[in-house]
N, C-alpha and C. Protein backbone atom coordinates (compact mmCIF):
# COMPACT_ATOMS: atom_id res chain seq x y z
N MET A 1 108.04 103.98 114.03
CA MET A 1 109.51 103.96 112.74
C MET A 1 109.86 105.82 112.13
N TYR A 2 111.14 105.41 112.17
CA TYR A 2 111.82 106.77 112.09
C TYR A 2 112.09 106.46 110.48
N MET A 3 112.16 107.82 110.00
CA MET A 3 112.06 107.69 108.85
C MET A 3 112.61 109.65 108.63
N PHE A 4 113.90 109.49 107.70
CA PHE A 4 114.73 110.54 107.49
C PHE A 4 114.96 110.55 105.79
N THR A 5 115.61 111.93 105.11
CA THR A 5 116.09 111.31 103.99
C THR A 5 118.00 111.90 104.01
N ALA A 6 118.69 110.74 103.61
CA ALA A 6 120.22 110.84 104.34
C ALA A 6 120.81 110.44 102.26
N PRO A 7 122.39 110.88 102.30
CA PRO A 7 122.54 110.16 101.13
C PRO A 7 122.54 108.81 101.24
N GLU A 8 123.33 107.51 100.47
CA GLU A 8 123.57 106.29 101.08
C GLU A 8 124.29 106.18 101.59
N LEU A 9 124.09 105.37 102.90
CA LEU A 9 124.90 105.27 104.20
C LEU A 9 125.19 104.14 104.62
N ASP A 10 126.17 104.15 104.58
CA ASP A 10 127.90 103.24 104.57
C ASP A 10 127.62 102.46 106.31
N TYR A 11 126.79 101.44 106.59
CA TYR A 11 127.19 100.90 108.30
C TYR A 11 126.96 99.44 107.90
N PRO A 12 127.89 98.84 109.35
CA PRO A 12 127.71 97.74 109.23
C PRO A 12 125.92 96.91 108.92
N ARG A 13 125.72 96.26 108.20
CA ARG A 13 124.06 95.98 108.31
C ARG A 13 123.28 95.10 109.41
N HIS A 14 124.39 93.97 109.97
CA HIS A 14 123.70 93.75 111.18
C HIS A 14 124.31 94.22 112.85
N ASP A 15 125.02 95.41 112.53
CA ASP A 15 125.84 95.91 113.31
C ASP A 15 123.83 96.88 114.10
N ILE A 16 123.53 96.21 114.96
CA ILE A 16 122.32 97.04 115.99
C ILE A 16 122.92 98.46 116.62
N ALA A 17 123.74 98.54 116.82
CA ALA A 17 124.32 100.02 117.46
C ALA A 17 124.82 100.75 116.60
N ALA A 18 124.97 100.40 115.59
CA ALA A 18 125.26 101.60 114.24
C ALA A 18 124.33 101.92 113.67
N GLN A 19 123.36 101.20 113.67
CA GLN A 19 121.75 101.58 113.43
C GLN A 19 120.73 102.65 114.34
N ARG A 20 120.96 101.88 115.90
CA ARG A 20 120.95 102.97 116.90
C ARG A 20 121.29 104.06 116.60
N ARG A 21 122.83 104.36 116.47
CA ARG A 21 123.96 105.66 116.52
C ARG A 21 123.04 106.57 115.68
N ILE A 22 123.03 105.33 114.46
CA ILE A 22 122.57 106.88 112.67
C ILE A 22 121.00 107.54 113.00
N VAL A 23 120.17 106.20 113.74
CA VAL A 23 118.84 106.88 114.15
C VAL A 23 119.46 108.17 114.91
N GLU A 24 119.88 108.13 116.58
CA GLU A 24 119.99 109.09 117.18
C GLU A 24 120.61 110.07 116.73
N GLU A 25 121.99 109.98 115.73
CA GLU A 25 122.34 111.05 115.72
C GLU A 25 121.37 111.90 114.32
N THR A 26 120.50 111.48 113.66
CA THR A 26 119.63 111.67 112.52
C THR A 26 118.28 112.80 113.72
N PHE A 27 118.10 112.44 114.34
CA PHE A 27 116.87 113.21 115.42
C PHE A 27 117.54 113.42 116.17
N ALA A 28 118.80 113.71 116.73
CA ALA A 28 119.29 114.15 117.96
C ALA A 28 118.85 116.17 118.05
N ASP A 29 118.39 116.92 117.56
CA ASP A 29 118.55 117.99 117.94
C ASP A 29 116.79 118.44 117.27
N MET A 30 115.78 117.51 117.12
CA MET A 30 114.85 117.01 117.05
C MET A 30 113.11 117.70 116.70
N GLY A 31 113.76 118.33 119.00
CA GLY A 31 113.03 118.22 119.38
C GLY A 31 111.53 117.64 119.69
N TRP A 32 110.21 118.16 120.24
CA TRP A 32 109.02 117.86 119.65
C TRP A 32 108.71 116.49 120.80
N HIS A 33 108.47 115.23 120.08
CA HIS A 33 108.60 113.96 121.09
C HIS A 33 109.69 113.39 120.82
N ALA A 34 110.73 113.69 119.50
CA ALA A 34 111.96 112.98 119.07
C ALA A 34 112.76 112.54 120.64
N PRO A 35 112.93 113.47 121.08
CA PRO A 35 113.10 113.24 122.30
C PRO A 35 113.44 111.78 123.18
N ARG A 36 111.85 111.62 123.38
CA ARG A 36 111.77 110.87 124.60
C ARG A 36 111.37 109.59 123.42
N MET A 37 110.97 109.42 121.92
CA MET A 37 111.14 108.23 121.41
C MET A 37 112.47 108.30 121.15
N LEU A 38 113.98 109.11 121.17
CA LEU A 38 114.97 108.25 121.12
C LEU A 38 115.39 107.66 122.10
N ALA A 39 114.84 108.45 123.68
CA ALA A 39 115.16 107.32 125.06
C ALA A 39 114.15 105.83 125.21
N ASP A 40 113.18 105.74 124.41
CA ASP A 40 113.05 104.37 124.03
C ASP A 40 113.32 103.75 123.07
N LEU A 41 113.85 104.04 121.99
CA LEU A 41 114.94 103.33 120.95
C LEU A 41 116.21 103.03 121.77
N ALA A 42 116.63 103.38 123.18
CA ALA A 42 117.97 102.40 123.39
C ALA A 42 116.91 100.84 123.93
N ASP A 43 115.41 101.39 124.38
CA ASP A 43 114.91 99.51 124.78
C ASP A 43 115.02 98.33 123.91
N PHE A 44 114.47 98.79 122.68
CA PHE A 44 114.80 97.96 121.69
C PHE A 44 116.27 96.94 121.38
N ASP A 45 115.90 96.07 121.30
CA ASP A 45 116.74 95.19 120.87
C ASP A 45 116.97 94.28 119.64
N ASP A 46 116.18 94.93 118.90
CA ASP A 46 116.19 95.03 117.88
C ASP A 46 116.07 96.21 116.92
N ILE A 47 116.32 96.19 115.00
CA ILE A 47 116.49 97.83 115.00
C ILE A 47 116.33 97.03 113.31
N TYR A 48 115.37 97.93 112.70
CA TYR A 48 115.77 96.61 111.04
C TYR A 48 115.94 98.79 110.27
N LEU A 49 116.86 99.20 109.52
CA LEU A 49 117.06 100.23 109.32
C LEU A 49 117.12 99.70 107.95
N ASP A 50 116.62 100.26 106.88
CA ASP A 50 116.93 100.98 105.26
C ASP A 50 116.02 101.58 104.70
N SER A 51 116.67 101.23 103.74
CA SER A 51 116.27 102.66 102.64
C SER A 51 114.83 102.20 101.48
N ILE A 52 113.50 103.32 101.70
CA ILE A 52 112.61 102.43 100.68
C ILE A 52 113.40 102.78 99.83
N SER A 53 113.73 102.36 98.92
CA SER A 53 113.81 101.64 97.03
C SER A 53 112.57 100.89 96.23
N GLN A 54 113.25 101.60 94.84
CA GLN A 54 111.96 100.82 94.25
C GLN A 54 113.44 100.08 92.94
N VAL A 55 113.22 99.02 92.74
CA VAL A 55 113.67 98.61 91.49
C VAL A 55 112.60 98.42 90.03
N ARG A 56 113.20 98.94 88.96
CA ARG A 56 112.71 98.58 87.80
C ARG A 56 112.90 97.42 87.05
N MET A 57 111.98 96.93 86.90
CA MET A 57 112.29 95.72 86.52
C MET A 57 112.02 95.90 84.42
N ASN A 58 112.09 95.19 84.41
CA ASN A 58 112.19 95.34 82.65
C ASN A 58 111.46 94.83 81.93
N GLY A 59 109.64 94.36 82.44
CA GLY A 59 108.73 94.02 81.83
C GLY A 59 108.75 92.55 82.03
N THR A 60 109.24 92.13 82.85
CA THR A 60 109.19 90.54 82.58
C THR A 60 109.62 90.19 83.91
N TYR A 61 108.74 88.72 84.68
CA TYR A 61 108.71 88.91 86.28
C TYR A 61 109.98 87.36 85.85
N THR A 62 110.80 86.56 84.99
CA THR A 62 110.62 85.69 84.78
C THR A 62 111.79 85.69 84.27
N ARG A 63 113.15 84.74 83.97
CA ARG A 63 113.95 84.40 83.22
C ARG A 63 114.79 83.19 83.54
N GLY A 64 114.36 82.25 82.53
CA GLY A 64 114.99 80.41 82.64
C GLY A 64 114.17 79.69 83.31
N ARG A 65 114.53 78.58 84.83
CA ARG A 65 113.18 78.85 84.94
C ARG A 65 113.17 79.38 86.78
N VAL A 66 113.65 80.66 87.21
CA VAL A 66 113.10 81.59 88.32
C VAL A 66 112.18 82.26 88.15
N ALA A 67 111.24 82.52 88.63
CA ALA A 67 109.87 83.33 88.43
C ALA A 67 109.87 84.16 89.33
N LEU A 68 109.89 86.17 89.82
CA LEU A 68 110.02 86.74 90.68
C LEU A 68 108.30 87.15 91.19
N LEU A 69 107.67 87.27 92.12
CA LEU A 69 106.64 87.64 92.18
C LEU A 69 106.45 87.96 93.95
N GLY A 70 105.49 88.66 94.14
CA GLY A 70 105.92 90.32 95.43
C GLY A 70 106.28 90.44 95.37
N ASP A 71 106.99 91.31 96.13
CA ASP A 71 107.90 92.79 95.83
C ASP A 71 108.99 92.48 95.00
N ALA A 72 110.12 91.40 95.44
CA ALA A 72 111.04 91.40 94.59
C ALA A 72 110.44 91.20 92.65
N ALA A 73 109.06 91.12 92.49
CA ALA A 73 108.74 90.99 90.82
C ALA A 73 108.34 92.76 90.71
N TYR A 74 107.71 93.01 91.56
CA TYR A 74 106.30 94.34 92.12
C TYR A 74 106.60 94.99 92.80
N GLY A 75 107.16 95.61 92.91
CA GLY A 75 107.51 95.99 94.61
C GLY A 75 106.41 97.52 94.45
N ASN A 76 105.55 97.57 95.26
CA ASN A 76 104.98 98.05 96.22
C ASN A 76 105.66 99.69 96.49
N THR A 77 104.86 100.69 96.84
CA THR A 77 105.54 101.23 97.45
C THR A 77 105.10 102.93 98.47
N LEU A 78 104.74 101.17 99.81
CA LEU A 78 104.10 101.74 101.13
C LEU A 78 102.90 102.22 100.56
N ALA A 79 101.92 102.02 99.73
CA ALA A 79 100.58 102.45 99.20
C ALA A 79 99.20 101.40 99.90
N GLY A 80 100.20 100.16 100.38
CA GLY A 80 98.71 99.53 101.07
C GLY A 80 98.49 98.33 99.84
N PHE A 81 99.27 97.74 98.34
CA PHE A 81 98.42 96.56 97.92
C PHE A 81 100.23 95.60 97.21
N GLY A 82 100.92 95.68 98.24
CA GLY A 82 102.27 94.62 98.23
C GLY A 82 101.48 93.88 98.35
N THR A 83 100.82 93.51 99.83
CA THR A 83 100.64 92.20 100.28
C THR A 83 98.92 91.75 99.20
N GLY A 84 98.77 92.48 98.71
CA GLY A 84 97.81 92.27 97.54
C GLY A 84 98.08 91.96 96.51
N LEU A 85 99.00 92.56 95.93
CA LEU A 85 99.68 92.07 94.72
C LEU A 85 100.52 90.74 95.11
N ALA A 86 101.70 90.42 96.06
CA ALA A 86 102.07 89.00 96.13
C ALA A 86 100.69 87.73 96.19
N VAL A 87 99.74 88.11 97.08
CA VAL A 87 99.25 86.83 96.80
C VAL A 87 98.33 86.56 95.46
N VAL A 88 97.76 88.05 94.87
CA VAL A 88 97.75 87.48 93.78
C VAL A 88 98.33 86.87 92.60
N GLY A 89 99.75 87.72 92.53
CA GLY A 89 100.78 86.65 92.50
C GLY A 89 101.15 85.66 91.86
N ALA A 90 100.47 84.66 93.55
CA ALA A 90 101.30 83.62 93.27
C ALA A 90 100.50 82.50 93.57
N TYR A 91 99.17 83.39 93.27
CA TYR A 91 98.16 82.43 92.91
C TYR A 91 97.77 82.57 91.25
N VAL A 92 98.10 83.59 90.52
CA VAL A 92 98.25 83.43 89.18
C VAL A 92 99.95 81.99 88.41
N LEU A 93 100.33 82.76 89.39
CA LEU A 93 101.99 81.66 88.66
C LEU A 93 101.61 80.64 89.44
N ALA A 94 100.90 79.57 90.56
CA ALA A 94 100.04 78.64 90.72
C ALA A 94 99.40 78.14 89.80
N GLY A 95 98.22 78.57 89.47
CA GLY A 95 97.32 78.33 88.62
C GLY A 95 98.46 78.36 87.15
N GLU A 96 99.50 79.18 87.08
CA GLU A 96 99.33 78.69 85.42
C GLU A 96 100.67 77.74 85.86
N LEU A 97 101.53 77.00 86.22
CA LEU A 97 101.84 76.08 85.84
C LEU A 97 101.04 75.11 86.72
N ALA A 98 100.11 74.88 87.09
CA ALA A 98 98.79 73.63 86.77
C ALA A 98 98.23 73.43 85.61
N SER A 99 97.67 74.61 85.36
CA SER A 99 97.01 74.55 84.06
C SER A 99 98.50 73.75 82.64
N ALA A 100 99.32 74.42 82.75
CA ALA A 100 100.56 74.22 81.72
C ALA A 100 101.24 72.24 82.49
N ALA A 101 100.99 71.96 83.26
CA ALA A 101 101.28 70.54 83.79
C ALA A 101 102.81 71.00 83.50
N GLY A 102 103.31 72.27 84.14
CA GLY A 102 104.41 72.03 85.24
C GLY A 102 105.60 72.33 83.90
N ASP A 103 104.88 72.85 82.34
CA ASP A 103 105.72 73.67 81.46
C ASP A 103 105.75 75.13 81.60
N HIS A 104 107.45 74.99 82.41
CA HIS A 104 107.51 76.52 82.77
C HIS A 104 107.11 77.58 82.48
N ILE A 105 108.23 77.21 80.85
CA ILE A 105 107.94 78.57 79.40
C ILE A 105 106.55 79.32 79.12
N THR A 106 105.57 77.91 79.16
CA THR A 106 104.43 78.68 78.91
C THR A 106 103.49 79.09 80.07
N ALA A 107 103.87 78.43 81.31
CA ALA A 107 102.91 79.06 82.21
C ALA A 107 104.14 80.31 82.86
N PHE A 108 104.44 80.97 82.57
CA PHE A 108 105.30 81.82 82.74
C PHE A 108 105.46 83.07 81.77
N ALA A 109 105.11 82.84 80.71
CA ALA A 109 104.74 83.36 79.76
C ALA A 109 103.98 84.63 80.26
N ASN A 110 102.27 83.35 80.76
CA ASN A 110 100.92 83.65 80.88
C ASN A 110 101.14 84.97 81.71
N TYR A 111 102.10 84.43 82.96
CA TYR A 111 102.28 85.24 84.13
C TYR A 111 102.76 86.17 84.14
N ASP A 112 103.88 86.54 83.22
CA ASP A 112 104.38 87.87 83.07
C ASP A 112 103.48 88.45 82.64
N ARG A 113 102.29 87.78 81.66
CA ARG A 113 100.90 88.58 80.83
C ARG A 113 100.02 88.76 81.45
N ILE A 114 99.71 88.66 82.81
CA ILE A 114 98.41 88.81 83.04
C ILE A 114 99.14 89.65 84.52
N MET A 115 100.57 89.30 84.64
CA MET A 115 100.41 90.48 85.94
C MET A 115 101.15 91.49 85.62
N LYS A 116 101.60 91.54 84.34
CA LYS A 116 102.36 92.73 83.48
C LYS A 116 101.23 93.69 83.56
N ARG A 117 99.89 93.82 83.48
CA ARG A 117 98.37 94.50 83.83
C ARG A 117 98.52 94.62 84.71
N TYR A 118 98.05 94.08 85.62
CA TYR A 118 97.34 94.18 87.02
C TYR A 118 98.70 94.47 87.65
N ALA A 119 100.41 94.79 88.07
CA ALA A 119 100.32 95.51 88.84
C ALA A 119 101.21 96.27 88.46
N LYS A 120 101.29 97.36 86.86
CA LYS A 120 101.05 98.39 87.42
C LYS A 120 100.24 99.16 88.27
N ILE A 121 99.56 98.78 88.96
CA ILE A 121 99.32 99.46 90.33
C ILE A 121 100.63 99.33 91.29
N ALA A 122 101.42 99.36 90.79
CA ALA A 122 102.43 99.35 91.68
C ALA A 122 103.31 100.52 91.69
N GLY A 123 103.20 101.42 90.43
CA GLY A 123 103.83 102.52 90.02
C GLY A 123 104.80 102.35 89.52
N ASN A 124 105.43 102.75 89.39
CA ASN A 124 107.12 103.67 88.62
C ASN A 124 107.54 104.52 89.76
N ASN A 125 107.06 104.98 90.51
CA ASN A 125 107.25 106.32 92.10
C ASN A 125 107.59 105.19 92.57
N ASN A 126 108.95 106.10 93.19
CA ASN A 126 109.49 105.34 94.60
C ASN A 126 109.06 106.29 96.06
N ALA A 127 108.08 105.75 97.19
CA ALA A 127 107.55 106.84 98.03
C ALA A 127 108.94 107.62 99.02
N GLY A 128 109.64 107.11 98.95
CA GLY A 128 111.00 107.39 99.41
C GLY A 128 111.15 108.92 99.94
N PRO A 129 110.98 110.09 98.56
CA PRO A 129 111.10 111.59 98.17
C PRO A 129 109.63 112.30 99.33
N PHE A 130 108.26 111.14 98.76
CA PHE A 130 107.58 112.25 99.37
C PHE A 130 107.52 111.93 101.19
N LEU A 131 107.47 110.98 101.19
CA LEU A 131 107.17 110.70 102.63
C LEU A 131 108.73 110.44 103.47
N ALA A 132 109.92 111.18 103.13
CA ALA A 132 110.47 112.12 104.03
C ALA A 132 111.65 112.49 103.29
N PRO A 133 110.69 113.95 103.45
CA PRO A 133 111.06 115.28 101.86
C PRO A 133 112.09 116.03 103.19
N LYS A 134 113.15 116.78 102.10
CA LYS A 134 114.46 117.19 103.17
C LYS A 134 114.15 118.58 102.79
N THR A 135 112.75 119.48 102.59
CA THR A 135 112.82 120.60 103.49
C THR A 135 111.69 120.87 104.32
N ALA A 136 111.49 121.83 104.81
CA ALA A 136 110.28 122.05 105.52
C ALA A 136 109.35 122.13 105.23
N LEU A 137 109.22 123.13 104.70
CA LEU A 137 107.77 123.09 102.93
C LEU A 137 108.00 121.87 102.17
N GLY A 138 108.47 120.85 102.16
CA GLY A 138 107.86 119.43 101.72
C GLY A 138 107.45 118.81 102.64
N ILE A 139 107.35 118.92 104.25
CA ILE A 139 106.77 118.38 105.24
C ILE A 139 105.94 118.76 105.28
N LYS A 140 105.01 120.14 105.56
CA LYS A 140 104.76 120.72 105.64
C LYS A 140 103.43 120.28 104.28
N ALA A 141 103.92 120.15 102.77
CA ALA A 141 103.28 119.35 101.73
C ALA A 141 103.15 118.12 101.67
N ARG A 142 103.60 117.79 102.42
CA ARG A 142 103.32 116.49 102.83
C ARG A 142 102.20 115.85 103.22
N ASN A 143 101.82 116.75 104.56
CA ASN A 143 101.21 116.59 105.61
C ASN A 143 100.15 116.91 105.17
N TRP A 144 99.77 118.52 104.73
CA TRP A 144 98.94 118.79 104.44
C TRP A 144 98.12 117.64 103.01
N PHE A 145 98.83 117.23 101.64
CA PHE A 145 98.10 116.05 101.09
C PHE A 145 97.57 114.79 102.27
N LEU A 146 98.30 114.52 102.82
CA LEU A 146 97.82 113.59 103.37
C LEU A 146 97.06 113.77 104.28
N GLY A 147 95.99 114.65 104.63
CA GLY A 147 95.23 115.00 104.97
C GLY A 147 94.24 116.00 103.81
N SER A 148 94.60 116.03 102.76
CA SER A 148 93.56 116.42 102.17
C SER A 148 92.19 115.53 101.26
N ARG A 149 91.55 116.30 100.35
CA ARG A 149 90.56 115.52 100.09
C ARG A 149 90.54 114.22 98.81
N LEU A 150 92.19 115.39 98.21
CA LEU A 150 92.98 114.70 97.01
C LEU A 150 93.15 112.45 97.70
N PHE A 151 93.79 113.01 98.35
CA PHE A 151 94.80 111.68 99.31
C PHE A 151 93.33 110.75 99.03
N THR A 152 92.31 111.08 99.56
CA THR A 152 91.15 109.60 100.13
C THR A 152 90.59 109.66 98.54
N LEU A 153 90.44 110.46 97.73
CA LEU A 153 90.73 110.35 96.12
C LEU A 153 91.16 109.56 95.24
N MET A 154 92.97 109.44 95.86
CA MET A 154 93.93 108.81 95.40
C MET A 154 93.89 107.27 95.87
N MET A 155 92.78 107.31 97.97
CA MET A 155 92.84 106.36 97.59
C MET A 155 92.32 105.25 97.38
N LYS A 156 90.97 106.34 96.65
CA LYS A 156 89.76 104.96 96.47
C LYS A 156 89.85 104.27 94.70
N TYR A 157 91.58 105.68 93.63
CA TYR A 157 91.23 104.91 92.96
C TYR A 157 92.07 103.65 92.65
N GLY A 158 93.41 104.12 93.72
CA GLY A 158 94.11 102.49 94.56
C GLY A 158 93.16 101.47 94.47
N ASP A 159 92.15 101.68 95.66
CA ASP A 159 91.05 100.44 95.78
C ASP A 159 90.42 100.62 94.11
N LYS A 160 90.60 101.14 93.47
CA LYS A 160 89.62 100.99 92.65
C LYS A 160 90.55 98.84 91.38
N ALA A 161 91.80 99.83 91.30
CA ALA A 161 93.35 99.71 90.53
C ALA A 161 93.39 97.74 91.42
N ALA A 162 93.28 98.05 92.38
CA ALA A 162 93.54 97.05 93.34
C ALA A 162 92.78 95.43 93.01
N ASN A 163 91.13 96.38 93.05
CA ASN A 163 90.21 95.42 92.38
C ASN A 163 90.52 95.00 90.79
N ASP A 164 91.43 95.57 90.02
CA ASP A 164 91.30 95.39 88.63
C ASP A 164 91.47 94.38 88.09
N ILE A 165 90.98 93.22 88.44
CA ILE A 165 91.59 91.61 88.04
C ILE A 165 90.00 90.41 88.11
N ASP A 166 90.68 90.04 86.88
CA ASP A 166 89.48 88.92 86.57
C ASP A 166 90.23 88.10 87.09
N LEU A 167 90.32 86.99 88.44
CA LEU A 167 90.68 86.05 88.52
C LEU A 167 90.93 85.12 87.90
N ILE A 168 91.22 83.95 87.09
CA ILE A 168 90.69 82.72 86.41
C ILE A 168 90.76 81.66 87.67
N ASP A 169 89.62 81.35 87.36
CA ASP A 169 88.82 79.51 87.81
C ASP A 169 89.94 78.85 87.84
N TYR A 170 90.86 78.84 88.25
CA TYR A 170 91.98 77.10 87.93
C TYR A 170 91.04 76.27 88.62
N PRO A 171 91.44 75.40 87.52
CA PRO A 171 90.81 74.01 87.65
C PRO A 171 92.00 73.40 88.92
N GLN A 172 90.99 72.45 90.12
CA GLN A 172 91.42 71.82 90.95
C GLN A 172 92.30 70.82 90.55
N LEU A 173 93.41 70.61 90.38
CA LEU A 173 94.98 69.34 90.07
C LEU A 173 94.84 68.59 90.79
N VAL A 174 94.79 68.96 91.90
CA VAL A 174 95.57 68.11 93.19
C VAL A 174 94.00 68.42 94.54
N GLU A 175 93.61 66.80 94.46
CA GLU A 175 92.67 66.79 95.94
C GLU A 175 93.21 67.36 97.02
N PRO A 176 92.45 67.79 97.68
CA PRO A 176 93.50 68.50 98.69
C PRO A 176 93.01 67.13 100.09
N THR A 177 94.30 67.02 101.15
CA THR A 177 94.00 65.74 102.03
C THR A 177 93.34 66.17 103.53
N PRO A 178 92.77 65.60 103.61
CA PRO A 178 91.73 65.50 104.60
C PRO A 178 92.05 66.23 106.12
N GLN A 179 91.05 67.36 106.60
CA GLN A 179 91.83 67.99 107.42
C GLN A 179 92.67 66.29 108.87
N HIS A 180 93.50 66.27 109.77
CA HIS A 180 94.21 65.84 110.50
C HIS A 180 93.53 66.44 111.64
N SER A 181 93.37 65.65 112.70
CA SER A 181 93.24 66.36 114.22
C SER A 181 93.95 67.70 114.74
N ARG A 182 93.59 68.74 114.94
CA ARG A 182 94.08 69.97 115.70
C ARG A 182 95.11 70.10 116.16
N LEU A 183 96.25 70.22 116.17
CA LEU A 183 97.44 70.04 117.14
C LEU A 183 97.25 70.74 118.47
N ASN A 184 97.01 70.64 119.79
CA ASN A 184 96.02 71.76 120.94
C ASN A 184 97.84 72.26 121.16
């Protein structure tokens, strides 16, 4: 992963060569392991370049007949809880739709209420400035924090928050299909 601070970049999103050039130019004079990493970059036939961004929702993940979940609704900030939030959100949304017998208005209101409290774990912070500081002092501070006891305590708090939901045991409304022969 190559991570760097930059103003908003304007480049063709599907142009792998342009993305490679941006990374090569950004890290050209870096030293240390960067020259070897940049040499390896030439062997990659696929590159994905994007920003670390966060869109803040207005407190509802639904509108009309559309419901957002996962990163589209409560995108996390690279702290490792995004997949868990997405799975819990999918479980709650499916359970609420089933419990409401398909009445999306009722189901969506319940989904918003349940997930609004739980998704607070995602926070309102964008990890980009922390992960890619603009200054050498910022890089030193980030590296110190990642190796500190404070970071360990923060991760323990995050683990506790990630488990701070009592999932409803939704009734099984559809009979499971019998397992068919396995594909070889």
